[in-house]
């Protein structure tokens, strides 16, 4: 099943196409995370964003991915061709999608669930473990991942991301999910201070 959402509200120019793929298993929240990232970028940061999602018939446990294309210009093709950023929350996702990553792209893996990486140029973070530590719930790992993305790449502002989380997560879970996002931001800050094995994109 596939679904597409597009928003075009850019007021800036000069930023090229930036491709994000969030991949994992059904039930890990990757589809929601993609929707949140796209809404944060388009509705609150004022850039163009197109979000698509793809998941198999197995609603929980099967492979799933969400893609977000970000640009200050027109977006003519809504799918990832060569990802600038790939987040893998499962071993299957890492094995399947790594080869769609640009040579200088950023790979982030959840080391809680991904035991082997196809490259040494990777940012390995125990995302699910951080989520459980921060909120007591594995499902909030997707929000930790969004916090990491925000803190490491600056492709979305913290303010926009929090607004989108509060807008789209189930009612009554807003504070829990924002707490998970903050855990991701804190980890990103720690990683930046320690130094990363890969180059990060310039702030968009």
Foldseek 3Di string as FASTA:
>chain_A
DKDKDWAAQAPDADWDKAKEKEKEWQLLCQQVLQVLVQCLCCVPVRWIKMKMKDWDPPNGGGIIMMMMITHNDDDPDRDQQAHQEYEYEAQVSQVPCVVSHDPQHAYEYQVCHHVDHPDPQYHYHVLQVLLCVQQVDSSLSSLLVVLLCCQQAVQGHLVSSLVSLCVRDPPPCSVSNNSSSVSSVVVNVVDVVVDHPHDYDDND
